[in-house]
Amino acid sequence: MHDLKFIRENPDKVKTGLAAKRVTVDLDELLQLDIRRRQFFVKIDELKAKKNAANDDISRLIKEKQDPKPTIASMKTIAAEIDTLEPQIKALDEQIQNILLGIPNIPHDSVPQGGMEANKIISHWGDKPVFDFKPKTHVEIAENLDIIDFKRGTKLSGSNFILYKDMGARLERALYNFMLDLHTSEHGYREMSPPVLVNAASMTATGQLPKMKDDMYRLEGDDLYLIPTAEVPVTNIHRDEMLNEEELPLYYTAYTTCFRREAGSYGKDTRGLVRIHQFDKVELVKFVRPETSYQELETLLGNARRIFEMLKIPYRVLLLASGDMSFAAAKCYDIEVYAAGLDKWLEASSCSNFEDFQARRGNVSYKGKDGKKKGFVHTLNGSGVALPRTMVAILENYQTADGNVIVPEVLRPYMGGVDRITRR
């Protein structure tokens, strides 16, 4: 969320940001509501001053043994007028808040302008695997090895749900344990295990609500939401808190199951792991001082890249253009892994700096040693990493001519020493 004063003083910059994010918001209406609201406050202040003066007059008249009734009547009239204005201010506050919640973060100056076509590939790592046979897709491999049951997953829950089996389930477990161990032991993150159900306030703070409401699974009777990413509960750990500057930066990592309805995406990638409604992910979240946040973004990106390098999966890094970024991000990198069977690059991690956008929505500030508030922290998060497309890349890039899959060396200790996956 943006500071209303910032919007008031920089309307052209905000309008440019809205255009860059390809979001339509009636900023002029917001500014008019803001003017009306401030006019109401001026009026109330004037009335309160008159009310206080009348109260003083009443005390004086009583001391002088004069009749205070006319002044009392006047004061009651003023009080009644104040009472009629306050609900109007409350209504204006709600209108302003609703508009503010719909304004996306402004892209950083280094972000390319445009839509998906303007995304910029900034680096590659690793070589695409070369086979002396036609590589199979992960769907064919998983079904032949009987390690993922797509049909029974659909039977249990519906389309785009899956059932991991045997070595498929073990490979999934090996991946997130490996990721958590790396991020906690080498990258300095504290491990968290948060709830996967959160309230609307949590979803609003990180920017999923109100914009992404249709993509969320909601429990109507409890007004709780299944999380789309651990970013939501972990970022909200410090909602409505003032942190000490010397505590910063704070680094948290969490493994959770994630849920996305993918509203409007039906018919796309309906088979396989590329687009599913329930998936596992290891998330990285940072709370940092504003002046360090862009260096922290580069470090965060490096933490996610390290996963793929240790797994020896070819990847490329994209700097997303303004129109392809998320609602809340000021700058975002995507890491795409190469999948040989599909012959596609698949997004497996996004690393974003939100600056103070989420912190304002969630009221996460920080104070100096003198105890005085210094401002809002900057928040960052990145997938460290998402498992389904990482699984796709492993199955397709590590496949053998006989239909088996070699286990990446770094995962073998987590697989009980197993070096390849074969059919039972």
Protein backbone atom coordinates (compact mmCIF):
# COMPACT_ATOMS: atom_id res chain seq x y z
CA MET A 1 0.00 0.00 0.00
CA HIS A 2 1.17 3.50 -0.74
CA ASP A 3 1.19 6.42 1.66
CA LEU A 4 -1.73 8.71 0.76
CA LYS A 5 0.52 11.73 1.24
CA PHE A 6 2.97 10.28 -1.32
CA ILE A 7 0.15 9.85 -3.85
CA ARG A 8 -1.13 13.35 -3.15
CA GLU A 9 2.33 14.83 -3.76
CA ASN A 10 3.32 12.55 -6.68
CA PRO A 11 0.14 11.85 -8.69
CA ASP A 12 1.94 11.74 -12.06
CA LYS A 13 4.52 9.23 -10.79
CA VAL A 14 1.76 7.00 -9.44
CA LYS A 15 -0.21 7.25 -12.70
CA THR A 16 2.90 6.27 -14.63
CA GLY A 17 3.35 3.31 -12.29
CA LEU A 18 -0.26 2.24 -12.79
CA ALA A 19 0.19 2.35 -16.56
CA ALA A 20 3.42 0.35 -16.28
CA LYS A 21 1.66 -2.32 -14.20
CA ARG A 22 -1.29 -2.23 -16.64
CA VAL A 23 -3.74 -1.57 -13.82
CA THR A 24 -6.65 0.86 -14.05
CA VAL A 25 -7.43 2.90 -10.93
CA ASP A 26 -9.32 6.19 -10.81
CA LEU A 27 -6.61 8.19 -9.07
CA ASP A 28 -8.47 11.46 -9.62
CA GLU A 29 -11.43 10.09 -7.65
CA LEU A 30 -9.05 9.12 -4.83
CA LEU A 31 -7.56 12.61 -4.74
CA GLN A 32 -11.03 14.20 -4.69
CA LEU A 33 -12.07 11.96 -1.80
CA ASP A 34 -8.87 12.93 -0.01
CA ILE A 35 -9.68 16.65 -0.47
CA ARG A 36 -13.20 16.15 0.90
CA ARG A 37 -11.88 14.18 3.86
CA ARG A 38 -9.36 16.88 4.76
CA GLN A 39 -12.05 19.54 4.43
CA PHE A 40 -14.21 17.59 6.88
CA PHE A 41 -11.31 17.45 9.34
CA VAL A 42 -10.81 21.21 9.07
CA LYS A 43 -14.52 21.70 9.75
CA ILE A 44 -14.45 19.34 12.74
CA ASP A 45 -11.39 21.07 14.17
CA GLU A 46 -13.21 24.42 13.89
CA LEU A 47 -16.31 22.99 15.57
CA LYS A 48 -14.27 21.40 18.36
CA ALA A 49 -12.57 24.74 18.97
CA LYS A 50 -16.00 26.41 19.22
CA LYS A 51 -17.20 23.63 21.51
CA ASN A 52 -14.19 24.08 23.80
CA ALA A 53 -14.73 27.86 23.83
CA ALA A 54 -18.41 27.35 24.69
CA ASN A 55 -17.43 24.99 27.48
CA ASP A 56 -15.10 27.63 28.90
CA ASP A 57 -17.88 30.23 28.62
CA ILE A 58 -20.28 27.97 30.50
CA SER A 59 -17.78 27.60 33.36
CA ARG A 60 -17.27 31.35 33.45
CA LEU A 61 -21.00 32.10 33.37
CA ILE A 62 -21.67 29.70 36.22
CA LYS A 63 -18.90 31.33 38.29
CA GLU A 64 -20.36 34.77 37.53
CA LYS A 65 -23.83 33.43 38.42
CA GLN A 66 -25.16 34.19 34.96
CA ASP A 67 -27.55 32.04 32.93
CA PRO A 68 -25.50 29.45 30.95
CA LYS A 69 -28.52 27.81 29.23
CA PRO A 70 -28.23 29.64 25.88
CA THR A 71 -24.52 28.73 25.70
CA ILE A 72 -25.26 25.13 26.72
CA ALA A 73 -27.84 24.92 23.92
CA SER A 74 -25.28 26.35 21.50
CA MET A 75 -22.69 23.78 22.60
CA LYS A 76 -25.18 20.92 22.11
CA THR A 77 -25.87 22.16 18.58
CA ILE A 78 -22.13 22.14 17.84
CA ALA A 79 -21.77 18.64 19.31
CA ALA A 80 -24.65 17.39 17.17
CA GLU A 81 -23.01 18.84 14.06
CA ILE A 82 -19.75 17.03 14.93
CA ASP A 83 -21.71 13.80 15.39
CA THR A 84 -23.16 14.11 11.86
CA LEU A 85 -19.73 14.73 10.31
CA GLU A 86 -17.83 11.82 11.91
CA PRO A 87 -19.81 9.04 10.14
CA GLN A 88 -19.22 10.86 6.85
CA ILE A 89 -15.49 10.86 7.53
CA LYS A 90 -15.64 7.16 8.37
CA ALA A 91 -17.41 6.47 5.07
CA LEU A 92 -14.78 8.48 3.20
CA ASP A 93 -12.02 6.57 5.01
CA GLU A 94 -13.51 3.28 3.81
CA GLN A 95 -13.77 4.52 0.22
CA ILE A 96 -10.18 5.77 0.29
CA GLN A 97 -8.93 2.53 1.85
CA ASN A 98 -10.67 0.42 -0.80
CA ILE A 99 -9.04 2.41 -3.59
CA LEU A 100 -5.62 2.34 -1.91
CA LEU A 101 -5.81 -1.46 -1.60
CA GLY A 102 -6.30 -1.66 -5.36
CA ILE A 103 -3.22 0.39 -6.26
CA PRO A 104 -0.23 -1.85 -7.13
CA ASN A 105 3.35 -1.22 -6.18
CA ILE A 106 5.28 1.11 -8.48
CA PRO A 107 8.01 -0.62 -10.52
CA HIS A 108 11.60 0.21 -9.68
CA ASP A 109 13.44 2.39 -12.22
CA SER A 110 15.59 -0.58 -13.31
CA VAL A 111 12.54 -2.62 -14.39
CA PRO A 112 11.92 -2.87 -18.17
CA GLN A 113 8.67 -1.30 -19.37
CA GLY A 114 6.11 -3.48 -21.12
CA GLY A 115 4.48 -6.88 -20.87
CA MET A 116 5.85 -10.41 -21.02
CA GLU A 117 7.53 -9.66 -24.34
CA ALA A 118 9.75 -7.11 -22.60
CA ASN A 119 11.13 -9.55 -20.01
CA LYS A 120 14.92 -9.53 -20.15
CA ILE A 121 17.07 -12.66 -19.92
CA ILE A 122 20.05 -11.60 -17.82
CA SER A 123 21.94 -14.87 -17.33
CA HIS A 124 22.14 -18.58 -18.12
CA TRP A 125 23.69 -21.40 -16.12
CA GLY A 126 24.46 -24.93 -17.26
CA ASP A 127 24.09 -26.73 -20.57
CA LYS A 128 20.98 -28.43 -21.83
CA PRO A 129 21.28 -32.23 -21.57
CA VAL A 130 22.04 -34.13 -24.77
CA PHE A 131 20.45 -37.55 -25.34
CA ASP A 132 21.02 -40.24 -27.95
CA PHE A 133 17.29 -41.00 -27.75
CA LYS A 134 14.11 -38.96 -27.86
CA PRO A 135 13.55 -37.75 -24.28
CA LYS A 136 10.21 -38.52 -22.69
CA THR A 137 8.06 -36.06 -20.76
CA HIS A 138 7.81 -36.28 -16.99
CA VAL A 139 4.25 -37.60 -17.35
CA GLU A 140 5.43 -40.59 -19.39
CA ILE A 141 8.38 -41.19 -17.08
CA ALA A 142 6.34 -40.93 -13.87
CA GLU A 143 3.62 -43.24 -15.17
CA ASN A 144 6.12 -45.81 -16.49
CA LEU A 145 7.96 -45.84 -13.16
CA ASP A 146 4.68 -45.71 -11.21
CA ILE A 147 5.90 -42.87 -8.97
CA ILE A 148 3.10 -40.35 -9.62
CA ASP A 149 -0.53 -41.35 -10.04
CA PHE A 150 -2.31 -38.62 -11.99
CA LYS A 151 -5.58 -40.54 -12.43
CA ARG A 152 -6.03 -41.36 -8.76
CA GLY A 153 -5.11 -37.82 -7.79
CA THR A 154 -7.99 -36.65 -9.97
CA LYS A 155 -10.25 -39.31 -8.45
CA LEU A 156 -9.43 -38.11 -4.95
CA SER A 157 -9.80 -34.37 -5.47
CA GLY A 158 -10.47 -33.38 -9.08
CA SER A 159 -8.43 -32.20 -12.03
CA ASN A 160 -4.92 -30.83 -11.46
CA PHE A 161 -4.39 -32.72 -8.20
CA ILE A 162 -1.78 -35.47 -8.03
CA LEU A 163 -0.74 -38.44 -5.90
CA TYR A 164 2.97 -39.04 -5.35
CA LYS A 165 3.88 -42.70 -4.76
CA ASP A 166 6.88 -44.61 -3.49
CA MET A 167 10.10 -43.10 -4.90
CA GLY A 168 8.14 -40.14 -6.22
CA ALA A 169 7.03 -39.27 -2.69
CA ARG A 170 10.54 -39.93 -1.39
CA LEU A 171 12.12 -37.71 -4.05
CA GLU A 172 9.68 -34.93 -3.12
CA ARG A 173 10.64 -35.29 0.55
CA ALA A 174 14.35 -35.38 -0.30
CA LEU A 175 14.03 -32.14 -2.26
CA TYR A 176 12.46 -30.03 0.47
CA ASN A 177 14.73 -31.44 3.18
CA PHE A 178 17.77 -30.65 1.03
CA MET A 179 16.50 -27.11 0.40
CA LEU A 180 15.73 -26.39 4.05
CA ASP A 181 19.11 -27.74 5.16
CA LEU A 182 20.94 -25.59 2.62
CA HIS A 183 19.06 -22.38 3.44
CA THR A 184 19.42 -22.80 7.20
CA SER A 185 23.00 -24.06 7.35
CA GLU A 186 24.64 -22.04 4.54
CA HIS A 187 22.39 -19.07 3.82
CA GLY A 188 21.51 -18.00 7.36
CA TYR A 189 17.70 -18.41 7.34
CA ARG A 190 15.68 -19.38 10.41
CA GLU A 191 13.30 -22.26 9.74
CA MET A 192 9.60 -21.71 10.40
CA SER A 193 6.63 -24.05 10.15
CA PRO A 194 3.58 -21.77 9.80
CA PRO A 195 -0.15 -22.51 9.45
CA VAL A 196 -1.46 -23.16 5.95
CA LEU A 197 -4.77 -21.47 6.83
CA VAL A 198 -4.67 -17.71 7.37
CA ASN A 199 -7.17 -14.92 7.95
CA ALA A 200 -8.14 -12.16 5.54
CA ALA A 201 -5.92 -9.62 7.31
CA SER A 202 -2.87 -11.76 6.51
CA MET A 203 -3.87 -12.12 2.85
CA THR A 204 -4.48 -8.37 2.62
CA ALA A 205 -1.12 -7.45 4.15
CA THR A 206 0.88 -9.34 1.53
CA GLY A 207 -1.29 -8.14 -1.35
CA GLN A 208 -3.22 -11.29 -2.30
CA LEU A 209 -6.48 -9.65 -1.22
CA PRO A 210 -8.50 -8.10 -2.61
CA LYS A 211 -7.00 -8.48 -6.11
CA MET A 212 -6.35 -12.25 -6.17
CA LYS A 213 -9.48 -13.36 -4.32
CA ASP A 214 -10.68 -15.57 -7.19
CA ASP A 215 -7.42 -17.55 -7.13
CA MET A 216 -7.75 -18.46 -3.44
CA TYR A 217 -9.40 -21.39 -1.72
CA ARG A 218 -11.59 -20.01 1.07
CA LEU A 219 -13.30 -21.74 3.99
CA GLU A 220 -16.60 -19.90 4.06
CA GLY A 221 -17.68 -20.85 7.58
CA ASP A 222 -14.42 -19.75 9.19
CA ASP A 223 -13.40 -16.91 6.85
CA LEU A 224 -9.96 -18.50 6.46
CA TYR A 225 -7.91 -18.97 3.30
CA LEU A 226 -5.59 -21.78 2.23
CA ILE A 227 -2.24 -20.15 1.56
CA PRO A 228 -0.99 -19.75 -2.04
CA THR A 229 2.59 -19.55 -0.70
CA ALA A 230 4.37 -19.50 2.66
CA GLU A 231 5.13 -15.85 1.89
CA VAL A 232 1.73 -15.02 3.38
CA PRO A 233 2.00 -16.46 6.90
CA VAL A 234 5.74 -15.84 7.24
CA THR A 235 5.55 -12.16 6.20
CA ASN A 236 2.65 -11.74 8.63
CA ILE A 237 4.67 -13.05 11.56
CA HIS A 238 5.55 -9.42 12.30
CA ARG A 239 2.28 -7.78 11.28
CA ASP A 240 1.43 -4.83 13.57
CA GLU A 241 4.87 -4.97 15.18
CA MET A 242 7.71 -2.47 15.51
CA LEU A 243 11.05 -4.21 15.12
CA ASN A 244 14.36 -3.05 16.55
CA GLU A 245 16.79 -1.80 13.91
CA GLU A 246 19.60 -3.91 15.37
CA GLU A 247 17.49 -7.05 14.75
CA LEU A 248 17.51 -6.43 11.02
CA PRO A 249 17.91 -8.15 8.66
CA LEU A 250 15.65 -11.07 9.54
CA TYR A 251 15.76 -14.12 7.26
CA TYR A 252 13.08 -16.82 7.46
CA THR A 253 12.53 -19.99 5.44
CA ALA A 254 9.54 -22.31 5.49
CA TYR A 255 8.37 -25.43 3.73
CA THR A 256 4.60 -25.60 3.20
CA THR A 257 2.01 -27.07 0.96
CA CYS A 258 0.48 -24.33 -1.20
CA PHE A 259 -2.95 -24.04 -2.81
CA ARG A 260 -4.04 -22.11 -5.90
CA ARG A 261 -7.31 -22.32 -7.73
CA GLU A 262 -5.66 -20.98 -10.89
CA ALA A 263 -8.94 -19.30 -11.84
CA GLY A 264 -9.10 -18.76 -15.58
CA SER A 265 -6.30 -21.25 -16.24
CA TYR A 266 -8.37 -24.35 -16.87
CA GLY A 267 -7.38 -26.13 -20.06
CA LYS A 268 -3.74 -25.02 -19.73
CA ASP A 269 -1.19 -27.73 -18.89
CA THR A 270 -3.94 -29.96 -17.60
CA ARG A 271 -1.70 -33.05 -17.46
CA GLY A 272 1.40 -33.32 -15.39
CA LEU A 273 3.08 -31.15 -12.78
CA VAL A 274 3.38 -27.86 -14.61
CA ARG A 275 0.12 -26.40 -13.29
CA ILE A 276 -1.48 -28.03 -10.26
CA HIS A 277 -3.76 -26.80 -7.49
CA GLN A 278 -1.81 -28.22 -4.53
CA PHE A 279 1.98 -28.23 -4.47
CA ASP A 280 4.94 -28.02 -2.12
CA LYS A 281 7.37 -25.14 -1.94
CA VAL A 282 10.21 -23.85 0.19
CA GLU A 283 9.92 -20.09 0.66
CA LEU A 284 12.48 -17.45 1.63
CA VAL A 285 11.34 -14.21 3.33
CA LYS A 286 13.42 -11.21 4.40
CA PHE A 287 12.74 -8.17 6.60
CA VAL A 288 15.46 -5.58 5.97
CA ARG A 289 16.39 -1.93 6.29
CA PRO A 290 15.28 0.11 3.25
CA GLU A 291 18.79 1.14 2.23
CA THR A 292 19.92 -2.50 1.87
CA SER A 293 16.90 -4.05 0.17
CA TYR A 294 18.18 -4.14 -3.41
CA GLN A 295 21.46 -5.75 -2.42
CA GLU A 296 19.37 -8.19 -0.35
CA LEU A 297 17.36 -8.98 -3.51
CA GLU A 298 20.54 -9.99 -5.36
CA THR A 299 21.58 -12.19 -2.42
CA LEU A 300 18.12 -13.75 -2.30
CA LEU A 301 18.33 -14.54 -6.00
CA GLY A 302 21.71 -16.15 -5.41
CA ASN A 303 20.26 -18.32 -2.64
CA ALA A 304 17.59 -19.67 -5.00
CA ARG A 305 20.05 -20.13 -7.89
CA ARG A 306 22.29 -22.20 -5.62
CA ILE A 307 19.58 -24.88 -5.37
CA PHE A 308 19.55 -25.48 -9.12
CA GLU A 309 23.33 -25.35 -9.39
CA MET A 310 23.70 -28.03 -6.72
CA LEU A 311 21.03 -30.11 -8.48
CA LYS A 312 22.89 -29.44 -11.77
CA ILE A 313 19.73 -28.28 -13.53
CA PRO A 314 20.22 -25.76 -16.38
CA TYR A 315 18.44 -22.48 -15.69
CA ARG A 316 18.10 -18.93 -16.89
CA VAL A 317 17.27 -15.75 -14.96
CA LEU A 318 14.73 -13.25 -16.26
CA LEU A 319 14.24 -9.69 -15.07
CA LEU A 320 10.49 -9.26 -15.35
CA ALA A 321 9.01 -6.29 -17.15
CA SER A 322 6.60 -3.95 -15.36
CA GLY A 323 3.45 -5.47 -16.85
CA ASP A 324 4.46 -9.05 -16.02
CA MET A 325 5.28 -8.52 -12.35
CA SER A 326 3.02 -9.34 -9.45
CA PHE A 327 0.70 -6.71 -7.97
CA ALA A 328 2.92 -6.14 -4.92
CA ALA A 329 6.42 -6.35 -6.39
CA ALA A 330 8.66 -3.39 -7.18
CA LYS A 331 11.23 -5.61 -8.89
CA CYS A 332 11.20 -9.33 -9.64
CA TYR A 333 13.50 -11.97 -11.06
CA ASP A 334 12.19 -15.30 -12.34
CA ILE A 335 14.36 -18.40 -12.50
CA GLU A 336 13.32 -20.78 -15.25
CA VAL A 337 14.60 -24.35 -15.38
CA TYR A 338 15.00 -26.30 -18.58
CA ALA A 339 12.91 -29.47 -19.01
CA ALA A 340 14.24 -31.70 -21.80
CA GLY A 341 11.14 -33.82 -22.42
CA LEU A 342 8.86 -30.82 -22.82
CA ASP A 343 11.71 -28.83 -24.41
CA LYS A 344 10.55 -25.82 -22.41
CA TRP A 345 11.80 -23.33 -19.87
CA LEU A 346 9.61 -23.49 -16.75
CA GLU A 347 9.41 -20.90 -13.99
CA ALA A 348 10.49 -22.55 -10.74
CA SER A 349 11.30 -19.50 -8.60
CA SER A 350 10.38 -15.84 -8.35
CA CYS A 351 12.45 -13.47 -6.21
CA SER A 352 10.89 -10.09 -5.43
CA ASN A 353 11.54 -6.87 -3.56
CA PHE A 354 8.32 -5.28 -2.33
CA GLU A 355 10.09 -2.31 -0.73
CA ASP A 356 7.72 -0.97 1.99
CA PHE A 357 4.53 -1.89 0.10
CA GLN A 358 3.66 -4.99 2.16
CA ALA A 359 5.05 -3.48 5.36
CA ARG A 360 2.64 -0.53 5.10
CA ARG A 361 -0.30 -2.87 4.51
CA GLY A 362 0.79 -5.04 7.44
CA ASN A 363 2.09 -2.19 9.64
CA VAL A 364 5.60 -3.64 10.07
CA SER A 365 7.84 -0.76 11.14
CA TYR A 366 11.21 -0.48 12.86
CA LYS A 367 12.79 1.78 15.46
CA GLY A 368 16.30 2.97 16.22
CA LYS A 369 18.25 2.61 19.45
CA ASP A 370 16.54 5.76 20.73
CA GLY A 371 13.19 3.96 20.56
CA LYS A 372 11.80 6.28 17.90
CA LYS A 373 10.11 4.92 14.79
CA LYS A 374 12.37 5.20 11.74
CA GLY A 375 9.89 4.00 9.13
CA PHE A 376 8.65 0.80 7.55
CA VAL A 377 10.89 -2.17 6.82
CA HIS A 378 11.34 -3.49 3.32
CA THR A 379 10.14 -7.05 2.70
CA LEU A 380 11.42 -9.52 0.13
CA ASN A 381 10.54 -13.06 -0.72
CA GLY A 382 11.58 -15.77 -3.12
CA SER A 383 10.79 -19.36 -3.92
CA GLY A 384 13.67 -21.37 -2.63
CA VAL A 385 12.30 -23.27 -4.57
CA ALA A 386 8.96 -24.56 -5.90
CA LEU A 387 9.00 -28.35 -6.10
CA PRO A 388 6.69 -29.41 -8.97
CA ARG A 389 8.66 -27.84 -11.83
CA THR A 390 11.94 -28.74 -10.15
CA MET A 391 10.64 -32.31 -10.11
CA VAL A 392 9.77 -31.99 -13.83
CA ALA A 393 13.33 -30.88 -14.59
CA ILE A 394 14.88 -33.73 -12.59
CA LEU A 395 12.71 -36.43 -14.18
CA GLU A 396 13.19 -35.13 -17.72
CA ASN A 397 16.87 -34.10 -17.56
CA TYR A 398 18.09 -37.10 -15.58
CA GLN A 399 16.20 -39.77 -17.54
CA THR A 400 18.01 -42.71 -19.10
CA ALA A 401 17.38 -44.66 -22.30
CA ASP A 402 15.89 -47.58 -20.34
CA GLY A 403 13.24 -45.30 -18.77
CA ASN A 404 14.86 -44.92 -15.34
CA VAL A 405 15.90 -41.68 -13.64
CA ILE A 406 19.32 -40.95 -12.13
CA VAL A 407 19.05 -39.28 -8.73
CA PRO A 408 21.04 -36.02 -8.55
CA GLU A 409 24.13 -36.66 -6.45
CA VAL A 410 23.29 -34.02 -3.84
CA LEU A 411 19.96 -35.74 -3.11
CA ARG A 412 21.30 -39.27 -2.64
CA PRO A 413 21.98 -38.91 1.11
CA TYR A 414 18.31 -37.89 1.48
CA MET A 415 17.24 -40.92 -0.57
CA GLY A 416 19.01 -43.46 1.61
CA GLY A 417 21.87 -43.75 -0.87
CA VAL A 418 19.61 -44.60 -3.82
CA ASP A 419 21.29 -43.42 -7.02
CA ARG A 420 18.52 -44.10 -9.52
CA ILE A 421 14.77 -44.53 -9.59
CA THR A 422 13.48 -47.69 -11.22
CA ARG A 423 10.08 -49.33 -11.38
CA ARG A 424 9.32 -51.51 -8.34
